[in-house]
Amino acid sequence: RAEEVTYAKFAQWCSSSGRSLEKAVDKSKEAVDLLETEIDATSKENTTLTEQIGKLDEEIAKYEKTDADSTKERDDAKKLYEKADADLESSIKAFDEVITEMKNAKASTSGLLIQAAARKALGSLSASALGSLSDSQLTRLQA
């Protein structure tokens, strides 16, 4: 009789434990299904973000190349400007020397001295300064 009671209690425990285990297994299966769905969604999102990162990397590279090209163009333009500025400075200086020589020669009243002074000063003018003169101006200076 004690064995029957113990067996009945054991059978009852097995029955209730089995139902509890089934419920726990069902909950775990649902959790696994949810996690698998979440993993799939996260994997798709990862793929999308990886593609976007690739496109952004390409865009960054394009902008960096544009920046480098623009910097080179500005540097080249700066060098050209500095060269032109230096040419103009030397031309201005040469014209000032021509004017000074002509004033000094005018004071001595000799036309030949004026022409000689002008020719001497013309030799120090830069090619860009001479290039900015018209043909008639150049002819008068060389006469």
C-alpha atoms as a PDB file:
ATOM      1  CA  ARG A   1       0.000   0.000   0.000  1.00  0.00           C
ATOM      2  CA  ALA A   2       2.751   2.503   0.778  1.00  0.00           C
ATOM      3  CA  GLU A   3       4.302   1.586  -2.512  1.00  0.00           C
ATOM      4  CA  GLU A   4       1.059   2.320  -4.323  1.00  0.00           C
ATOM      5  CA  VAL A   5       0.835   5.730  -2.713  1.00  0.00           C
ATOM      6  CA  THR A   6       4.470   6.456  -3.556  1.00  0.00           C
ATOM      7  CA  TYR A   7       3.908   5.238  -7.118  1.00  0.00           C
ATOM      8  CA  ALA A   8       0.785   7.378  -7.463  1.00  0.00           C
ATOM      9  CA  LYS A   9       2.670  10.409  -6.214  1.00  0.00           C
ATOM     10  CA  PHE A  10       5.515   9.604  -8.623  1.00  0.00           C
ATOM     11  CA  ALA A  11       3.101   9.169 -11.548  1.00  0.00           C
ATOM     12  CA  GLN A  12       1.373  12.440 -10.665  1.00  0.00           C
ATOM     13  CA  TRP A  13       4.770  14.201 -10.475  1.00  0.00           C
ATOM     14  CA  CYS A  14       5.821  12.719 -13.838  1.00  0.00           C
ATOM     15  CA  SER A  15       2.560  13.800 -15.431  1.00  0.00           C
ATOM     16  CA  SER A  16       2.735  17.368 -14.126  1.00  0.00           C
ATOM     17  CA  SER A  17       6.472  17.597 -14.826  1.00  0.00           C
ATOM     18  CA  GLY A  18       5.905  16.347 -18.368  1.00  0.00           C
ATOM     19  CA  ARG A  19       3.351  19.083 -19.005  1.00  0.00           C
ATOM     20  CA  SER A  20       5.717  21.673 -17.497  1.00  0.00           C
ATOM     21  CA  LEU A  21       8.535  20.378 -19.664  1.00  0.00           C
ATOM     22  CA  GLU A  22       6.333  20.450 -22.769  1.00  0.00           C
ATOM     23  CA  LYS A  23       5.398  24.060 -22.001  1.00  0.00           C
ATOM     24  CA  ALA A  24       9.064  24.949 -21.438  1.00  0.00           C
ATOM     25  CA  VAL A  25      10.049  23.213 -24.683  1.00  0.00           C
ATOM     26  CA  ASP A  26       7.279  25.036 -26.581  1.00  0.00           C
ATOM     27  CA  LYS A  27       8.405  28.390 -25.130  1.00  0.00           C
ATOM     28  CA  SER A  28      12.002  27.564 -26.061  1.00  0.00           C
ATOM     29  CA  LYS A  29      10.947  26.651 -29.615  1.00  0.00           C
ATOM     30  CA  GLU A  30       9.089  29.954 -29.913  1.00  0.00           C
ATOM     31  CA  ALA A  31      12.142  31.798 -28.590  1.00  0.00           C
ATOM     32  CA  VAL A  32      14.358  29.960 -31.080  1.00  0.00           C
ATOM     33  CA  ASP A  33      11.989  30.866 -33.924  1.00  0.00           C
ATOM     34  CA  LEU A  34      11.992  34.528 -32.842  1.00  0.00           C
ATOM     35  CA  LEU A  35      15.760  34.542 -32.559  1.00  0.00           C
ATOM     36  CA  GLU A  36      16.140  32.931 -36.002  1.00  0.00           C
ATOM     37  CA  THR A  37      13.845  35.603 -37.463  1.00  0.00           C
ATOM     38  CA  GLU A  38      15.865  38.290 -35.701  1.00  0.00           C
ATOM     39  CA  ILE A  39      19.127  36.775 -36.984  1.00  0.00           C
ATOM     40  CA  ASP A  40      17.763  36.778 -40.566  1.00  0.00           C
ATOM     41  CA  ALA A  41      16.656  40.403 -40.275  1.00  0.00           C
ATOM     42  CA  THR A  42      19.977  41.435 -38.750  1.00  0.00           C
ATOM     43  CA  SER A  43      21.887  39.565 -41.478  1.00  0.00           C
ATOM     44  CA  LYS A  44      19.897  41.374 -44.171  1.00  0.00           C
ATOM     45  CA  GLU A  45      20.481  44.686 -42.433  1.00  0.00           C
ATOM     46  CA  ASN A  46      24.202  43.884 -42.217  1.00  0.00           C
ATOM     47  CA  THR A  47      24.288  43.164 -45.951  1.00  0.00           C
ATOM     48  CA  THR A  48      22.498  46.429 -46.720  1.00  0.00           C
ATOM     49  CA  LEU A  49      24.765  48.445 -44.437  1.00  0.00           C
ATOM     50  CA  THR A  50      27.875  46.799 -45.900  1.00  0.00           C
ATOM     51  CA  GLU A  51      26.731  47.796 -49.395  1.00  0.00           C
ATOM     52  CA  GLN A  52      26.046  51.356 -48.218  1.00  0.00           C
ATOM     53  CA  ILE A  53      29.489  51.526 -46.603  1.00  0.00           C
ATOM     54  CA  GLY A  54      31.036  50.405 -49.889  1.00  0.00           C
ATOM     55  CA  LYS A  55      29.181  53.134 -51.783  1.00  0.00           C
ATOM     56  CA  LEU A  56      30.163  55.730 -49.194  1.00  0.00           C
ATOM     57  CA  ASP A  57      33.807  54.615 -49.396  1.00  0.00           C
ATOM     58  CA  GLU A  58      33.679  55.119 -53.168  1.00  0.00           C
ATOM     59  CA  GLU A  59      32.102  58.543 -52.696  1.00  0.00           C
ATOM     60  CA  ILE A  60      34.753  59.521 -50.142  1.00  0.00           C
ATOM     61  CA  ALA A  61      37.499  58.417 -52.538  1.00  0.00           C
ATOM     62  CA  LYS A  62      35.905  60.507 -55.306  1.00  0.00           C
ATOM     63  CA  TYR A  63      35.755  63.580 -53.050  1.00  0.00           C
ATOM     64  CA  GLU A  64      39.331  63.077 -51.893  1.00  0.00           C
ATOM     65  CA  LYS A  65      40.494  62.883 -55.525  1.00  0.00           C
ATOM     66  CA  THR A  66      38.510  66.016 -56.364  1.00  0.00           C
ATOM     67  CA  ASP A  67      40.049  67.750 -53.369  1.00  0.00           C
ATOM     68  CA  ALA A  68      43.563  66.725 -54.430  1.00  0.00           C
ATOM     69  CA  ASP A  69      42.921  67.846 -58.024  1.00  0.00           C
ATOM     70  CA  SER A  70      41.515  71.182 -56.844  1.00  0.00           C
ATOM     71  CA  THR A  71      44.456  71.730 -54.526  1.00  0.00           C
ATOM     72  CA  LYS A  72      46.877  71.058 -57.387  1.00  0.00           C
ATOM     73  CA  GLU A  73      44.986  73.468 -59.656  1.00  0.00           C
ATOM     74  CA  ARG A  74      45.052  76.189 -56.977  1.00  0.00           C
ATOM     75  CA  ASP A  75      48.767  75.616 -56.401  1.00  0.00           C
ATOM     76  CA  ASP A  76      49.441  75.834 -60.147  1.00  0.00           C
ATOM     77  CA  ALA A  77      47.351  79.006 -60.421  1.00  0.00           C
ATOM     78  CA  LYS A  78      49.201  80.491 -57.449  1.00  0.00           C
ATOM     79  CA  LYS A  79      52.565  79.772 -59.108  1.00  0.00           C
ATOM     80  CA  LEU A  80      51.387  81.399 -62.347  1.00  0.00           C
ATOM     81  CA  TYR A  81      50.122  84.406 -60.426  1.00  0.00           C
ATOM     82  CA  GLU A  82      53.378  84.753 -58.510  1.00  0.00           C
ATOM     83  CA  LYS A  83      55.368  84.530 -61.748  1.00  0.00           C
ATOM     84  CA  ALA A  84      53.167  87.129 -63.455  1.00  0.00           C
ATOM     85  CA  ASP A  85      53.378  89.336 -60.367  1.00  0.00           C
ATOM     86  CA  ALA A  86      57.178  89.091 -60.368  1.00  0.00           C
ATOM     87  CA  ASP A  87      57.265  89.894 -64.114  1.00  0.00           C
ATOM     88  CA  LEU A  88      55.069  92.932 -63.564  1.00  0.00           C
ATOM     89  CA  GLU A  89      57.204  94.074 -60.630  1.00  0.00           C
ATOM     90  CA  SER A  90      60.338  93.852 -62.752  1.00  0.00           C
ATOM     91  CA  SER A  91      58.557  95.640 -65.631  1.00  0.00           C
ATOM     92  CA  ILE A  92      57.473  98.452 -63.348  1.00  0.00           C
ATOM     93  CA  LYS A  93      61.007  98.754 -62.038  1.00  0.00           C
ATOM     94  CA  ALA A  94      62.387  98.776 -65.589  1.00  0.00           C
ATOM     95  CA  PHE A  95      59.888 101.440 -66.688  1.00  0.00           C
ATOM     96  CA  ASP A  96      60.845 103.524 -63.657  1.00  0.00           C
ATOM     97  CA  GLU A  97      64.500 103.197 -64.716  1.00  0.00           C
ATOM     98  CA  VAL A  98      63.595 104.186 -68.291  1.00  0.00           C
ATOM     99  CA  ILE A  99      61.763 107.270 -67.026  1.00  0.00           C
ATOM    100  CA  THR A 100      64.650 108.198 -64.747  1.00  0.00           C
ATOM    101  CA  GLU A 101      67.194 107.749 -67.562  1.00  0.00           C
ATOM    102  CA  MET A 102      65.065 109.786 -69.951  1.00  0.00           C
ATOM    103  CA  LYS A 103      64.680 112.602 -67.428  1.00  0.00           C
ATOM    104  CA  ASN A 104      68.424 112.601 -66.829  1.00  0.00           C
ATOM    105  CA  ALA A 105      69.107 112.589 -70.582  1.00  0.00           C
ATOM    106  CA  LYS A 106      66.546 115.341 -71.192  1.00  0.00           C
ATOM    107  CA  ALA A 107      68.407 117.552 -68.772  1.00  0.00           C
ATOM    108  CA  SER A 108      71.533 117.182 -70.919  1.00  0.00           C
ATOM    109  CA  THR A 109      69.529 118.280 -74.047  1.00  0.00           C
ATOM    110  CA  SER A 110      71.028 115.728 -76.387  1.00  0.00           C
ATOM    111  CA  GLY A 111      68.473 113.645 -78.308  1.00  0.00           C
ATOM    112  CA  LEU A 112      71.073 110.965 -78.903  1.00  0.00           C
ATOM    113  CA  LEU A 113      71.623 110.605 -75.176  1.00  0.00           C
ATOM    114  CA  ILE A 114      67.874 110.174 -74.655  1.00  0.00           C
ATOM    115  CA  GLN A 115      67.734 107.439 -77.301  1.00  0.00           C
ATOM    116  CA  ALA A 116      70.796 105.694 -75.865  1.00  0.00           C
ATOM    117  CA  ALA A 117      69.334 105.819 -72.367  1.00  0.00           C
ATOM    118  CA  ALA A 118      66.018 104.502 -73.634  1.00  0.00           C
ATOM    119  CA  ARG A 119      67.698 101.624 -75.482  1.00  0.00           C
ATOM    120  CA  LYS A 120      69.719 100.776 -72.390  1.00  0.00           C
ATOM    121  CA  ALA A 121      66.585 100.751 -70.236  1.00  0.00           C
ATOM    122  CA  LEU A 122      64.629  98.725 -72.823  1.00  0.00           C
ATOM    123  CA  GLY A 123      67.195  95.961 -72.505  1.00  0.00           C
ATOM    124  CA  SER A 124      66.204  95.485 -68.865  1.00  0.00           C
ATOM    125  CA  LEU A 125      62.456  95.167 -69.580  1.00  0.00           C
ATOM    126  CA  SER A 126      61.025  91.684 -69.285  1.00  0.00           C
ATOM    127  CA  ALA A 127      59.512  89.941 -72.267  1.00  0.00           C
ATOM    128  CA  SER A 128      56.067  90.145 -70.702  1.00  0.00           C
ATOM    129  CA  ALA A 129      56.357  93.920 -70.314  1.00  0.00           C
ATOM    130  CA  LEU A 130      57.405  94.317 -73.933  1.00  0.00           C
ATOM    131  CA  GLY A 131      54.646  91.935 -74.999  1.00  0.00           C
ATOM    132  CA  SER A 132      52.035  94.222 -73.436  1.00  0.00           C
ATOM    133  CA  LEU A 133      53.082  97.167 -75.646  1.00  0.00           C
ATOM    134  CA  SER A 134      51.428  97.858 -78.985  1.00  0.00           C
ATOM    135  CA  ASP A 135      53.513  97.753 -82.177  1.00  0.00           C
ATOM    136  CA  SER A 136      53.488 101.554 -82.469  1.00  0.00           C
ATOM    137  CA  GLN A 137      54.576 101.991 -78.851  1.00  0.00           C
ATOM    138  CA  LEU A 138      57.378  99.487 -79.323  1.00  0.00           C
ATOM    139  CA  THR A 139      58.494 101.186 -82.549  1.00  0.00           C
ATOM    140  CA  ARG A 140      58.599 104.601 -80.853  1.00  0.00           C
ATOM    141  CA  LEU A 141      60.621 103.218 -77.945  1.00  0.00           C
ATOM    142  CA  GLN A 142      63.133 101.557 -80.248  1.00  0.00           C
ATOM    143  CA  ALA A 143      63.542 104.586 -82.523  1.00  0.00           C
END
